Amino acid sequence: MSKDEKIGNVSTTVTVREGALKVHNADDALLAELGYKAEFKREFSMLETIAFAFSIMGVVASVSSTFSFPLFSGGHVGMVWGWFIPCFFVMAVAASMAELVSSMPTSAGLYYFSAKLAPPKYAALASWITGWANITGQVTLVCSIDFTCAQMITSAITVSSGGATVMSAGTTYGILLAILFCHGLVCSAATNVLARLNLFYVLVNVGTTIAAIVALLVCSGDNKVPTKDAFTMFENNTGWANNDSAAHISEEVSGAQRSAPIAILVGVAGTQVLGWLLFIAASFATASVPSLLATDLPLPMGQLFLDVMGKRGMLTIWSFIIVVQFVTGAAQGVDASRVIFAFARDDALPGSRWWKRINRRTQTPVNAVWFVMVGAAICGLLGFSAAALSSLAGASVIGLYVSYATPIFLRITSGRNKLVPGTFTLGKWYMPIGIIAVAWVIFIVVLLLFPSFQTVTAQGMNYAVVIIMGVFVFASISWVVSARKWFHGPIKNIDDVTSSFDTKEL
């Protein structure tokens, strides 16, 4: 290499670094306008942010863990169309979220959006409600994901032993604790480590999903159901006639105004397409819905793989699905910890001074990480009751959806003229898309509060309403008795700068 070439390479390297520094400075300047000082290293590139958003949805693991719901509520129709039709409504929620995070890229996310879009008189209350709803959804979702991972492990043990070994609820809970501990260690790592891990996560996620689709279609051979049945056979076994992850790491993202909304949209769209293809493959491979529902395994999807691929094939693909579920839980743990950190940064949690601390070595909110893991472990005690455990996933979705809908509702009502558009904007379409998103959330929340069967027993009761109401009663009493006197919404922790919002309106 000549001297001129070496000088050219050095010059290129310096230019790239200067460009990255300018982007980081612009991100930090925008964060300062929002009222916060930069406390994280911006180590997530756009690709890594997309990988994070995609990984947190864990396509094949999510389908495997929720496979029983469409089986109960529609059979083949439930599998194929029960996934496809909601995709349009979920994308409306995702698009609305993407617009908000592009305008206000902060880890505070949803409750910050609510505070800035609500009428000044109700800004703190809107922020309080949104924050507690989001925390409820985030922590219970970590528990739900990791408990399902534990169930996947027990399923593998049962299959490998030929049914001779069946794990008790206590053993499953012990596995959950071990998984949560491992996730606590992973989520406490430095931001650059987490960013690189997500590239591995997305490769495992996509690769396993594609492998599962191919395996179900190929290995089912001549036992596949006819195409008409796969798409249209309805079986009612009931008796009745989660988008914002990139927002919560936005303070660790380079070019957050652009990268975060793109990550949300690409992550959701990619999950929708791959998930639908997987459900179609599962529908073709399902010869008998009742036999899958009657399985002794914790998850019917495990029984489907066992029926189609045999013991060895099932254990092979199931091992990869367990890995996908594990990394999904790790990604969700990171997401939830940033929510806890942000809410504590605004002094909204008991013991906030502990949970908002940034570890000097990793520059990540390690205390907030362990807050999430301990909270998830406590929620995991519900696993000793099958009825309560089945309600946990519903409770997490309700909590998250309420926290999504609140700022979207405020955006299309009191906040119509308050939002300063970021690099991604819905333009004039924000109103119809927002209305669709809010209507969908209302519908799905009501649906998730219904019991699984028309004839309700203590064993079949949907306890999601108990979990959700417990948190909201606590938050309401706290607000009336105390919080309304000292919580005023997001708190600036940086010297005053020019705001992106009209101060007269706020």
Protein backbone atom coordinates (compact mmCIF):
# COMPACT_ATOMS: atom_id res chain seq x y z
CA MET A 1 0.00 0.00 0.00
CA SER A 2 1.41 3.37 -1.03
CA LYS A 3 1.74 6.34 1.26
CA ASP A 4 -1.08 8.16 -0.58
CA GLU A 5 -3.39 5.14 -0.17
CA LYS A 6 -2.68 5.01 3.56
CA ILE A 7 -3.40 8.71 3.90
CA GLY A 8 -6.61 8.22 1.90
CA ASN A 9 -7.75 5.39 4.19
CA VAL A 10 -7.02 7.43 7.30
CA SER A 11 -8.92 10.38 5.82
CA THR A 12 -11.92 8.15 5.04
CA THR A 13 -11.92 6.73 8.56
CA VAL A 14 -11.80 10.21 10.09
CA THR A 15 -14.65 11.38 7.83
CA VAL A 16 -16.83 8.42 8.84
CA ARG A 17 -16.15 9.02 12.53
CA GLU A 18 -16.89 12.72 12.16
CA GLY A 19 -20.14 11.88 10.40
CA ALA A 20 -21.17 9.50 13.19
CA LEU A 21 -20.25 12.12 15.79
CA LYS A 22 -22.44 14.70 14.05
CA VAL A 23 -25.37 12.25 14.08
CA HIS A 24 -24.83 11.51 17.77
CA ASN A 25 -24.61 15.21 18.56
CA ALA A 26 -27.84 15.88 16.65
CA ASP A 27 -29.55 13.04 18.55
CA ASP A 28 -28.35 14.39 21.89
CA ALA A 29 -29.38 17.91 20.96
CA LEU A 30 -32.91 16.71 20.15
CA LEU A 31 -33.01 14.75 23.41
CA ALA A 32 -31.99 17.93 25.22
CA GLU A 33 -34.90 19.75 23.56
CA LEU A 34 -37.16 17.05 24.99
CA GLY A 35 -35.73 17.83 28.43
CA TYR A 36 -33.25 15.02 29.05
CA LYS A 37 -29.48 14.79 29.08
CA ALA A 38 -27.80 11.97 27.17
CA GLU A 39 -26.93 9.15 29.58
CA PHE A 40 -26.56 6.21 27.19
CA LYS A 41 -24.02 5.46 24.51
CA ARG A 42 -25.63 5.48 21.07
CA GLU A 43 -24.35 2.10 19.91
CA PHE A 44 -27.42 0.82 18.01
CA SER A 45 -27.16 1.34 14.25
CA MET A 46 -30.30 1.30 12.10
CA LEU A 47 -29.73 -2.36 11.21
CA GLU A 48 -29.27 -3.31 14.86
CA THR A 49 -32.36 -1.32 15.86
CA ILE A 50 -34.42 -3.18 13.25
CA ALA A 51 -32.94 -6.44 14.50
CA PHE A 52 -33.94 -5.51 18.06
CA ALA A 53 -37.53 -4.68 17.06
CA PHE A 54 -37.77 -7.91 15.07
CA SER A 55 -36.16 -10.05 17.75
CA ILE A 56 -38.46 -8.85 20.49
CA MET A 57 -41.42 -10.26 18.53
CA GLY A 58 -39.82 -13.72 18.12
CA VAL A 59 -42.03 -14.98 15.28
CA VAL A 60 -41.74 -18.76 15.61
CA ALA A 61 -41.64 -18.64 19.39
CA SER A 62 -44.63 -16.30 19.57
CA VAL A 63 -46.67 -18.50 17.26
CA SER A 64 -45.68 -21.60 19.22
CA SER A 65 -46.61 -20.07 22.56
CA THR A 66 -50.00 -18.73 21.43
CA PHE A 67 -50.96 -21.58 19.09
CA SER A 68 -53.69 -22.85 21.41
CA PHE A 69 -55.75 -19.64 21.08
CA PRO A 70 -56.61 -19.96 17.37
CA LEU A 71 -57.08 -23.72 17.82
CA PHE A 72 -59.76 -23.08 20.45
CA SER A 73 -61.46 -20.19 18.71
CA GLY A 74 -61.67 -21.29 15.09
CA GLY A 75 -59.43 -24.20 14.20
CA HIS A 76 -57.97 -23.77 10.72
CA VAL A 77 -59.83 -20.50 10.13
CA GLY A 78 -58.51 -19.20 13.44
CA MET A 79 -54.94 -20.09 12.50
CA VAL A 80 -54.88 -18.50 9.05
CA TRP A 81 -57.33 -15.60 9.20
CA GLY A 82 -57.07 -15.01 12.94
CA TRP A 83 -53.51 -13.85 12.24
CA PHE A 84 -53.95 -12.23 8.83
CA ILE A 85 -56.94 -9.94 9.47
CA PRO A 86 -55.58 -8.30 12.67
CA CYS A 87 -52.33 -7.49 10.81
CA PHE A 88 -53.95 -4.47 9.18
CA PHE A 89 -55.16 -3.07 12.48
CA VAL A 90 -51.87 -3.77 14.26
CA MET A 91 -50.04 -1.96 11.47
CA ALA A 92 -52.24 1.08 12.14
CA VAL A 93 -51.07 1.03 15.76
CA ALA A 94 -47.45 0.58 14.64
CA ALA A 95 -47.66 3.46 12.14
CA SER A 96 -49.09 5.78 14.80
CA MET A 97 -46.34 4.75 17.21
CA ALA A 98 -43.67 5.28 14.54
CA GLU A 99 -44.84 8.85 13.95
CA LEU A 100 -44.75 9.64 17.66
CA VAL A 101 -41.30 8.18 18.28
CA SER A 102 -39.91 9.98 15.24
CA SER A 103 -41.09 13.25 16.76
CA MET A 104 -40.01 12.47 20.34
CA PRO A 105 -37.26 9.80 20.42
CA THR A 106 -36.82 9.19 24.14
CA SER A 107 -36.77 6.10 26.35
CA ALA A 108 -39.72 7.61 28.21
CA GLY A 109 -41.73 6.76 25.11
CA LEU A 110 -45.47 6.37 25.59
CA TYR A 111 -46.00 8.21 28.86
CA TYR A 112 -43.90 11.12 27.57
CA PHE A 113 -46.03 11.27 24.41
CA SER A 114 -49.19 11.32 26.52
CA ALA A 115 -47.91 14.15 28.71
CA LYS A 116 -47.01 16.31 25.74
CA LEU A 117 -50.21 15.68 23.76
CA ALA A 118 -52.76 15.92 26.59
CA PRO A 119 -54.44 19.18 27.68
CA PRO A 120 -52.11 20.90 30.20
CA LYS A 121 -54.58 20.33 33.05
CA TYR A 122 -54.55 16.56 32.51
CA ALA A 123 -50.99 16.05 31.24
CA ALA A 124 -49.66 14.59 34.49
CA LEU A 125 -52.64 12.25 34.92
CA ALA A 126 -52.40 11.04 31.31
CA SER A 127 -48.69 10.41 31.80
CA TRP A 128 -49.29 8.58 35.08
CA ILE A 129 -51.96 6.26 33.62
CA THR A 130 -49.93 5.52 30.50
CA GLY A 131 -46.76 4.86 32.46
CA TRP A 132 -48.33 2.38 34.87
CA ALA A 133 -50.21 0.62 32.08
CA ASN A 134 -46.98 0.26 30.12
CA ILE A 135 -44.99 -0.99 33.12
CA THR A 136 -47.70 -3.58 33.84
CA GLY A 137 -47.55 -4.81 30.26
CA GLN A 138 -43.76 -4.78 30.08
CA VAL A 139 -43.06 -6.72 33.29
CA THR A 140 -45.86 -9.27 32.83
CA LEU A 141 -44.71 -9.80 29.24
CA VAL A 142 -41.19 -10.65 30.42
CA CYS A 143 -42.72 -13.19 32.79
CA SER A 144 -45.04 -14.58 30.12
CA ILE A 145 -42.23 -15.01 27.58
CA ASP A 146 -39.83 -16.59 30.05
CA PHE A 147 -42.46 -18.85 31.61
CA THR A 148 -43.31 -20.09 28.13
CA CYS A 149 -39.60 -20.71 27.56
CA ALA A 150 -39.61 -22.81 30.73
CA GLN A 151 -42.65 -24.72 29.44
CA MET A 152 -40.85 -25.34 26.16
CA ILE A 153 -37.93 -26.82 28.06
CA THR A 154 -40.23 -29.08 30.11
CA SER A 155 -41.97 -30.14 26.88
CA ALA A 156 -38.61 -31.16 25.42
CA ILE A 157 -37.78 -33.16 28.56
CA THR A 158 -41.16 -34.93 28.45
CA VAL A 159 -40.80 -35.83 24.76
CA SER A 160 -37.18 -36.97 25.11
CA SER A 161 -38.17 -39.29 27.97
CA GLY A 162 -41.07 -40.73 25.99
CA GLY A 163 -43.54 -39.20 28.42
CA ALA A 164 -41.96 -40.82 31.48
CA THR A 165 -40.80 -37.50 32.93
CA VAL A 166 -43.38 -34.78 33.51
CA MET A 167 -42.19 -31.66 35.26
CA SER A 168 -44.18 -30.23 38.17
CA ALA A 169 -45.25 -26.61 38.50
CA GLY A 170 -42.51 -26.10 41.08
CA THR A 171 -39.82 -27.38 38.73
CA THR A 172 -41.12 -25.20 35.93
CA TYR A 173 -40.98 -22.19 38.24
CA GLY A 174 -37.40 -23.08 39.15
CA ILE A 175 -36.49 -23.12 35.44
CA LEU A 176 -38.20 -19.73 35.10
CA LEU A 177 -36.02 -18.30 37.87
CA ALA A 178 -32.89 -19.62 36.15
CA ILE A 179 -33.94 -18.04 32.85
CA LEU A 180 -34.70 -14.72 34.53
CA PHE A 181 -31.30 -14.75 36.22
CA CYS A 182 -29.57 -15.36 32.89
CA HIS A 183 -31.58 -12.58 31.29
CA GLY A 184 -30.66 -10.26 34.12
CA LEU A 185 -26.99 -10.83 33.34
CA VAL A 186 -27.46 -10.39 29.59
CA CYS A 187 -29.61 -7.26 29.89
CA SER A 188 -27.06 -5.66 32.23
CA ALA A 189 -24.40 -5.73 29.51
CA ALA A 190 -23.08 -2.61 27.81
CA THR A 191 -25.10 -1.15 24.95
CA ASN A 192 -22.57 -2.12 22.27
CA VAL A 193 -22.76 -5.75 23.42
CA LEU A 194 -26.57 -5.70 23.35
CA ALA A 195 -26.54 -4.13 19.88
CA ARG A 196 -24.28 -6.85 18.44
CA LEU A 197 -26.25 -9.62 20.15
CA ASN A 198 -29.39 -8.52 18.34
CA LEU A 199 -27.81 -9.34 14.98
CA PHE A 200 -27.39 -12.91 16.24
CA TYR A 201 -30.92 -12.87 17.62
CA VAL A 202 -32.51 -11.92 14.30
CA LEU A 203 -30.55 -14.56 12.36
CA VAL A 204 -31.69 -17.30 14.74
CA ASN A 205 -35.23 -15.94 14.72
CA VAL A 206 -35.66 -15.74 10.93
CA GLY A 207 -33.71 -18.92 10.25
CA THR A 208 -35.71 -21.00 12.71
CA THR A 209 -39.02 -19.60 11.45
CA ILE A 210 -38.20 -20.48 7.84
CA ALA A 211 -36.98 -23.93 8.92
CA ALA A 212 -40.24 -24.53 10.83
CA ILE A 213 -42.35 -23.52 7.83
CA VAL A 214 -40.45 -25.84 5.49
CA ALA A 215 -40.42 -28.70 8.00
CA LEU A 216 -44.18 -28.60 8.59
CA LEU A 217 -44.99 -28.52 4.87
CA VAL A 218 -42.46 -31.15 3.81
CA CYS A 219 -42.65 -33.60 6.70
CA SER A 220 -46.45 -33.67 6.78
CA GLY A 221 -46.30 -35.29 3.33
CA ASP A 222 -49.57 -36.81 2.19
CA ASN A 223 -51.13 -36.14 5.59
CA LYS A 224 -51.64 -32.46 4.79
CA VAL A 225 -55.25 -31.34 4.90
CA PRO A 226 -56.82 -30.13 1.62
CA THR A 227 -56.21 -26.50 0.72
CA LYS A 228 -59.87 -25.61 1.16
CA ASP A 229 -59.88 -27.04 4.71
CA ALA A 230 -56.58 -25.36 5.59
CA PHE A 231 -58.04 -21.95 4.78
CA THR A 232 -61.75 -22.31 5.51
CA MET A 233 -62.50 -25.11 8.02
CA PHE A 234 -64.01 -23.58 11.14
CA GLU A 235 -64.02 -25.43 14.45
CA ASN A 236 -65.41 -23.75 17.55
CA ASN A 237 -64.01 -25.25 20.75
CA THR A 238 -64.93 -22.40 23.09
CA GLY A 239 -68.70 -22.44 23.30
CA TRP A 240 -68.79 -18.78 22.18
CA ALA A 241 -70.89 -17.92 19.04
CA ASN A 242 -46.85 -6.67 21.11
CA ASN A 243 -44.86 -2.35 18.74
CA ASP A 244 -43.11 0.33 20.54
CA SER A 245 -39.91 -1.52 21.52
CA ALA A 246 -37.64 0.63 19.34
CA ALA A 247 -38.94 3.73 21.13
CA HIS A 248 -37.58 2.59 24.49
CA ILE A 249 -34.01 2.16 23.23
CA SER A 250 -34.17 5.36 21.15
CA GLU A 251 -31.66 7.06 23.48
CA GLU A 252 -29.19 4.31 22.54
CA VAL A 253 -29.86 4.57 18.79
CA SER A 254 -27.82 6.55 16.31
CA GLY A 255 -30.10 8.67 14.11
CA ALA A 256 -33.05 7.83 16.35
CA GLN A 257 -35.58 10.06 14.56
CA ARG A 258 -35.16 7.94 11.44
CA SER A 259 -33.99 4.55 12.73
CA ALA A 260 -36.59 4.01 15.47
CA PRO A 261 -39.74 4.45 13.34
CA ILE A 262 -38.28 2.38 10.50
CA ALA A 263 -37.43 -0.36 13.00
CA ILE A 264 -40.99 -0.39 14.34
CA LEU A 265 -42.55 -0.64 10.88
CA VAL A 266 -40.10 -3.18 9.45
CA GLY A 267 -40.21 -5.28 12.62
CA VAL A 268 -44.01 -5.44 12.65
CA ALA A 269 -44.34 -6.03 8.89
CA GLY A 270 -41.68 -8.75 8.87
CA THR A 271 -43.27 -10.50 11.83
CA GLN A 272 -46.70 -10.35 10.20
CA VAL A 273 -45.53 -11.91 6.94
CA LEU A 274 -43.44 -14.69 8.47
CA GLY A 275 -46.05 -15.37 11.15
CA TRP A 276 -48.81 -15.76 8.57
CA LEU A 277 -46.72 -18.15 6.47
CA LEU A 278 -45.99 -20.21 9.58
CA PHE A 279 -49.66 -20.37 10.53
CA ILE A 280 -50.56 -21.45 6.98
CA ALA A 281 -47.96 -24.22 7.19
CA ALA A 282 -49.30 -25.24 10.61
CA SER A 283 -52.86 -25.29 9.27
CA PHE A 284 -51.89 -27.61 6.41
CA ALA A 285 -50.02 -29.89 8.82
CA THR A 286 -52.84 -30.07 11.42
CA ALA A 287 -54.79 -33.23 10.67
CA SER A 288 -56.90 -33.02 13.84
CA VAL A 289 -57.49 -29.91 15.93
CA PRO A 290 -59.12 -31.82 18.86
CA SER A 291 -56.11 -34.14 19.17
CA LEU A 292 -53.75 -31.18 19.47
CA LEU A 293 -55.95 -29.60 22.12
CA ALA A 294 -55.98 -32.87 24.05
CA THR A 295 -52.17 -33.09 24.24
CA ASP A 296 -50.44 -33.63 27.58
CA LEU A 297 -47.66 -31.24 26.55
CA PRO A 298 -47.89 -27.67 27.87
CA LEU A 299 -47.92 -26.27 24.31
CA PRO A 300 -49.98 -27.78 21.44
CA MET A 301 -47.39 -26.59 18.90
CA GLY A 302 -44.94 -29.05 20.41
CA GLN A 303 -47.44 -31.84 19.81
CA LEU A 304 -47.86 -30.74 16.18
CA PHE A 305 -44.12 -30.92 15.55
CA LEU A 306 -44.02 -34.31 17.29
CA ASP A 307 -46.88 -35.64 15.14
CA VAL A 308 -45.38 -34.33 11.91
CA MET A 309 -41.64 -34.79 12.43
CA GLY A 310 -41.34 -37.57 14.99
CA LYS A 311 -39.41 -37.46 18.23
CA ARG A 312 -35.95 -36.67 16.86
CA GLY A 313 -37.15 -34.09 14.35
CA MET A 314 -39.37 -32.41 16.93
CA LEU A 315 -36.57 -32.13 19.47
CA THR A 316 -34.25 -30.65 16.85
CA ILE A 317 -36.56 -27.86 15.70
CA TRP A 318 -37.88 -27.38 19.25
CA SER A 319 -34.36 -26.74 20.53
CA PHE A 320 -33.99 -23.85 18.11
CA ILE A 321 -37.43 -22.52 19.05
CA ILE A 322 -36.36 -22.55 22.70
CA VAL A 323 -33.32 -20.46 21.73
CA VAL A 324 -35.59 -18.02 19.86
CA GLN A 325 -37.89 -17.78 22.90
CA PHE A 326 -34.88 -17.20 25.15
CA VAL A 327 -33.49 -14.36 23.03
CA THR A 328 -37.00 -12.89 22.70
CA GLY A 329 -37.16 -12.77 26.49
CA ALA A 330 -33.73 -11.14 26.62
CA ALA A 331 -34.77 -8.45 24.14
CA GLN A 332 -37.98 -7.84 26.06
CA GLY A 333 -35.98 -7.57 29.28
CA VAL A 334 -33.91 -4.77 27.75
CA ASP A 335 -37.06 -3.01 26.56
CA ALA A 336 -38.80 -3.27 29.94
CA SER A 337 -35.74 -2.08 31.85
CA ARG A 338 -35.61 1.10 29.75
CA VAL A 339 -39.25 1.78 30.59
CA ILE A 340 -38.53 1.36 34.30
CA PHE A 341 -35.46 3.59 34.03
CA ALA A 342 -37.35 6.34 32.20
CA PHE A 343 -40.32 6.32 34.60
CA ALA A 344 -37.93 6.38 37.56
CA ARG A 345 -35.95 9.22 35.95
CA ASP A 346 -39.14 11.26 36.30
CA ASP A 347 -39.47 10.14 39.95
CA ALA A 348 -42.69 8.24 39.28
CA LEU A 349 -41.77 4.95 40.99
CA PRO A 350 -41.23 4.07 44.64
CA GLY A 351 -37.46 4.07 45.14
CA SER A 352 -36.89 5.96 41.89
CA ARG A 353 -33.42 7.09 42.96
CA TRP A 354 -32.30 3.46 42.82
CA TRP A 355 -33.99 2.44 39.58
CA LYS A 356 -32.77 5.44 37.56
CA ARG A 357 -29.10 4.87 38.32
CA ILE A 358 -26.83 4.19 35.36
CA ASN A 359 -24.02 1.72 35.97
CA ARG A 360 -20.70 3.51 35.46
CA ARG A 361 -19.03 0.50 33.87
CA THR A 362 -21.71 -0.59 31.39
CA GLN A 363 -23.57 2.73 31.14
CA THR A 364 -26.86 0.82 31.29
CA PRO A 365 -29.62 0.87 33.96
CA VAL A 366 -28.57 -2.32 35.74
CA ASN A 367 -30.79 -1.68 38.78
CA ALA A 368 -33.81 -1.27 36.52
CA VAL A 369 -32.94 -4.57 34.83
CA TRP A 370 -33.11 -6.44 38.13
CA PHE A 371 -36.30 -4.59 39.09
CA VAL A 372 -37.86 -6.15 35.97
CA MET A 373 -36.49 -9.63 36.67
CA VAL A 374 -37.66 -9.66 40.28
CA GLY A 375 -41.07 -8.32 39.24
CA ALA A 376 -41.33 -11.03 36.58
CA ALA A 377 -40.35 -13.68 39.14
CA ILE A 378 -43.15 -12.53 41.44
CA CYS A 379 -45.64 -12.65 38.54
CA GLY A 380 -44.34 -16.14 37.80
CA LEU A 381 -45.90 -17.38 41.03
CA LEU A 382 -49.16 -17.34 39.07
CA GLY A 383 -47.76 -20.40 37.30
CA PHE A 384 -48.89 -22.54 40.21
CA SER A 385 -52.43 -21.89 38.99
CA ALA A 386 -53.08 -22.88 35.38
CA ALA A 387 -56.05 -20.48 35.14
CA ALA A 388 -54.08 -17.52 36.49
CA LEU A 389 -51.10 -18.31 34.26
CA SER A 390 -53.22 -18.41 31.11
CA SER A 391 -54.47 -14.93 31.99
CA LEU A 392 -50.97 -13.49 32.26
CA ALA A 393 -50.43 -13.08 28.51
CA GLY A 394 -53.80 -11.36 28.21
CA ALA A 395 -52.94 -9.00 31.05
CA SER A 396 -49.66 -8.04 29.37
CA VAL A 397 -51.37 -7.31 26.05
CA ILE A 398 -54.08 -5.24 27.77
CA GLY A 399 -51.50 -3.21 29.68
CA LEU A 400 -49.43 -2.57 26.57
CA TYR A 401 -52.42 -1.79 24.35
CA VAL A 402 -53.86 0.71 26.83
CA SER A 403 -50.49 2.45 26.93
CA TYR A 404 -50.40 2.48 23.10
CA ALA A 405 -53.94 3.78 22.69
CA THR A 406 -53.67 6.64 25.18
CA PRO A 407 -51.10 8.79 23.30
CA ILE A 408 -52.66 7.86 19.95
CA PHE A 409 -56.07 8.99 21.22
CA LEU A 410 -54.55 12.22 22.50
CA ARG A 411 -52.79 12.72 19.16
CA ILE A 412 -56.11 12.70 17.28
CA THR A 413 -57.93 14.83 19.86
CA SER A 414 -56.21 17.40 22.08
CA GLY A 415 -52.80 16.94 20.42
CA ARG A 416 -53.80 17.53 16.79
CA ASN A 417 -51.78 20.74 16.55
CA LYS A 418 -49.12 20.00 19.13
CA LEU A 419 -46.96 17.39 17.44
CA VAL A 420 -43.85 18.64 15.66
CA PRO A 421 -43.30 16.03 12.90
CA GLY A 422 -40.07 14.08 12.85
CA THR A 423 -38.48 12.50 9.80
CA PHE A 424 -41.38 10.04 9.61
CA THR A 425 -44.88 11.49 9.53
CA LEU A 426 -48.30 10.20 8.55
CA GLY A 427 -49.30 13.61 7.24
CA LYS A 428 -53.03 14.02 6.78
CA TRP A 429 -53.51 10.27 7.28
CA TYR A 430 -52.72 10.46 10.99
CA MET A 431 -56.40 10.97 11.81
CA PRO A 432 -58.02 7.96 10.05
CA ILE A 433 -55.10 5.71 10.97
CA GLY A 434 -55.28 6.89 14.59
CA ILE A 435 -59.03 6.28 14.74
CA ILE A 436 -58.57 2.75 13.38
CA ALA A 437 -55.78 2.09 15.89
CA VAL A 438 -57.80 3.29 18.90
CA ALA A 439 -60.93 1.39 17.78
CA TRP A 440 -58.87 -1.79 17.40
CA VAL A 441 -57.37 -1.43 20.87
CA ILE A 442 -60.80 -0.94 22.45
CA PHE A 443 -62.09 -4.02 20.65
CA ILE A 444 -59.14 -6.25 21.55
CA VAL A 445 -59.04 -5.16 25.20
CA VAL A 446 -62.73 -6.01 25.64
CA LEU A 447 -62.15 -9.33 23.88
CA LEU A 448 -59.22 -10.21 26.12
CA LEU A 449 -61.32 -9.70 29.23
CA PHE A 450 -63.76 -12.44 28.21
CA PRO A 451 -63.27 -15.97 29.62
CA SER A 452 -62.09 -18.65 27.20
CA PHE A 453 -65.29 -20.67 27.55
CA GLN A 454 -68.92 -19.65 27.69
CA THR A 455 -69.50 -21.72 30.82
CA VAL A 456 -67.26 -20.09 33.41
CA THR A 457 -65.69 -22.04 36.28
CA ALA A 458 -62.97 -21.15 38.75
CA GLN A 459 -60.54 -23.16 36.62
CA GLY A 460 -61.61 -21.50 33.37
CA MET A 461 -61.96 -17.95 34.67
CA ASN A 462 -60.03 -15.21 32.89
CA TYR A 463 -58.06 -13.56 35.67
CA ALA A 464 -56.56 -10.89 33.39
CA VAL A 465 -59.17 -8.47 34.70
CA VAL A 466 -57.99 -9.14 38.26
CA ILE A 467 -54.35 -8.47 37.36
CA ILE A 468 -55.11 -5.33 35.37
CA MET A 469 -57.61 -3.94 37.87
CA GLY A 470 -55.20 -4.60 40.72
CA VAL A 471 -52.58 -2.38 39.10
CA PHE A 472 -55.05 0.31 38.08
CA VAL A 473 -56.64 0.42 41.54
CA PHE A 474 -53.16 0.82 43.04
CA ALA A 475 -52.25 3.55 40.53
CA SER A 476 -55.58 5.33 41.04
CA ILE A 477 -55.38 5.32 44.83
CA SER A 478 -51.75 6.44 44.66
CA TRP A 479 -52.75 9.29 42.39
CA VAL A 480 -55.65 10.49 44.52
CA VAL A 481 -53.85 10.14 47.85
CA SER A 482 -50.38 11.31 46.92
CA ALA A 483 -49.05 11.39 43.37
CA ARG A 484 -51.26 14.22 42.11
CA LYS A 485 -49.49 16.48 44.61
CA TRP A 486 -45.94 15.79 43.43
CA PHE A 487 -46.01 14.08 40.01
CA HIS A 488 -46.19 16.64 37.23
CA GLY A 489 -45.20 14.45 34.30
CA PRO A 490 -41.77 14.23 32.63
CA ILE A 491 -39.10 16.18 34.54
CA LYS A 492 -36.29 18.01 32.78
CA ASN A 493 -32.88 16.92 33.99
CA ILE A 494 -30.99 19.33 31.76
CA ASP A 495 -30.76 23.11 31.55
CA ASP A 496 -33.68 24.74 29.72
CA VAL A 497 -33.45 24.68 25.94
CA THR A 498 -35.79 25.67 23.17
CA SER A 499 -38.73 23.27 23.20
CA SER A 500 -40.11 21.47 20.13
CA PHE A 501 -43.61 22.20 21.43
CA ASP A 502 -45.60 25.35 21.66
CA THR A 503 -45.07 26.46 25.23
CA LYS A 504 -48.35 28.36 25.18
CA GLU A 505 -50.22 25.14 24.59
CA LEU A 506 -48.20 23.15 27.08
